[in-house]
Amino acid sequence: MSRHLASLRHAGLVEDVRDGTRVVYSLAPAATPQIRIIQVLVERGCACDEVLQADLKRLKRLLRKGECSLVSTTNRKERAA
């Protein structure tokens, strides 16, 4: 997982903040247009795959129940304000 996140960081799609032994990743604000394009492509690709549709349904259920969360695309300065 960390290699994938490092690749995304090097591509400018995510930012990371180190907090002791933890690293918190968030979407890079400048990457928002690219993220939207990727999101549309993934959603289209998932439309005909039953396993991916089941995963998406499970993710939405977990989000509703508060068992996982999405990171905001706002930058750290905006979150601190």
Protein backbone atom coordinates (compact mmCIF):
# COMPACT_ATOMS: atom_id res chain seq x y z
CA MET A 1 0.00 0.00 0.00
CA SER A 2 2.73 2.47 0.89
CA ARG A 3 4.37 2.05 -2.51
CA HIS A 4 1.07 2.83 -4.21
CA LEU A 5 0.61 5.92 -2.05
CA ALA A 6 4.21 6.98 -2.74
CA SER A 7 3.53 6.68 -6.48
CA LEU A 8 0.41 8.81 -6.13
CA ARG A 9 2.38 11.36 -4.08
CA HIS A 10 5.13 11.54 -6.71
CA ALA A 11 2.45 12.03 -9.38
CA GLY A 12 1.08 15.00 -7.40
CA LEU A 13 -2.29 13.34 -6.76
CA VAL A 14 -1.96 13.06 -2.97
CA GLU A 15 -0.21 14.93 -0.18
CA ASP A 16 1.06 13.46 3.05
CA VAL A 17 1.46 14.79 6.57
CA ARG A 18 3.64 12.94 9.07
CA ASP A 19 2.35 12.73 12.63
CA GLY A 20 4.80 10.76 14.74
CA THR A 21 4.74 7.24 13.35
CA ARG A 22 1.58 7.88 11.32
CA VAL A 23 1.32 9.29 7.83
CA VAL A 24 -1.99 10.88 6.84
CA TYR A 25 -2.67 11.08 3.10
CA SER A 26 -5.16 13.40 1.42
CA LEU A 27 -6.02 14.28 -2.15
CA ALA A 28 -3.92 17.14 -3.47
CA PRO A 29 -6.13 20.17 -4.26
CA ALA A 30 -4.31 20.76 -7.56
CA ALA A 31 -5.17 17.20 -8.60
CA THR A 32 -8.94 17.68 -8.31
CA PRO A 33 -9.60 17.81 -12.10
CA GLN A 34 -7.53 14.67 -12.65
CA ILE A 35 -9.24 12.91 -9.74
CA ARG A 36 -12.66 13.70 -11.23
CA ILE A 37 -11.59 12.20 -14.59
CA ILE A 38 -10.26 9.09 -12.86
CA GLN A 39 -13.48 8.81 -10.84
CA VAL A 40 -15.63 8.89 -13.99
CA LEU A 41 -13.43 6.31 -15.73
CA VAL A 42 -13.51 3.99 -12.72
CA GLU A 43 -17.29 4.31 -12.37
CA ARG A 44 -17.74 3.49 -16.05
CA GLY A 45 -15.39 0.53 -15.75
CA CYS A 46 -17.21 -0.76 -12.67
CA ALA A 47 -20.61 -0.62 -14.33
CA CYS A 48 -20.26 -4.04 -15.96
CA ASP A 49 -18.22 -5.81 -13.27
CA GLU A 50 -20.29 -7.53 -10.58
CA VAL A 51 -17.40 -7.78 -8.09
CA LEU A 52 -16.59 -4.08 -8.41
CA GLN A 53 -20.28 -3.18 -8.10
CA ALA A 54 -20.47 -5.24 -4.89
CA ASP A 55 -17.33 -3.51 -3.56
CA LEU A 56 -18.80 -0.09 -4.36
CA LYS A 57 -22.06 -1.00 -2.62
CA ARG A 58 -20.11 -2.18 0.45
CA LEU A 59 -18.01 1.01 0.50
CA LYS A 60 -21.14 3.17 0.38
CA ARG A 61 -22.66 1.16 3.24
CA LEU A 62 -19.48 1.55 5.33
CA LEU A 63 -19.46 5.30 4.67
CA ARG A 64 -23.10 5.61 5.77
CA LYS A 65 -22.38 3.67 8.97
CA GLY A 66 -19.32 5.82 9.68
CA GLU A 67 -16.99 2.82 9.60
CA CYS A 68 -14.68 4.55 7.13
CA SER A 69 -14.23 8.10 5.93
CA LEU A 70 -13.15 10.04 2.90
CA VAL A 71 -10.44 12.67 3.09
CA SER A 72 -11.40 16.17 2.00
CA THR A 73 -9.70 17.67 -1.05
CA THR A 74 -9.27 21.00 0.74
CA ASN A 75 -5.74 21.90 1.65
CA ARG A 76 -4.34 21.85 5.17
CA LYS A 77 -4.56 25.65 5.60
CA GLU A 78 -8.27 25.64 4.72
CA ARG A 79 -8.94 22.75 7.13
CA ALA A 80 -7.14 24.60 9.95
CA ALA A 81 -9.20 27.78 9.45
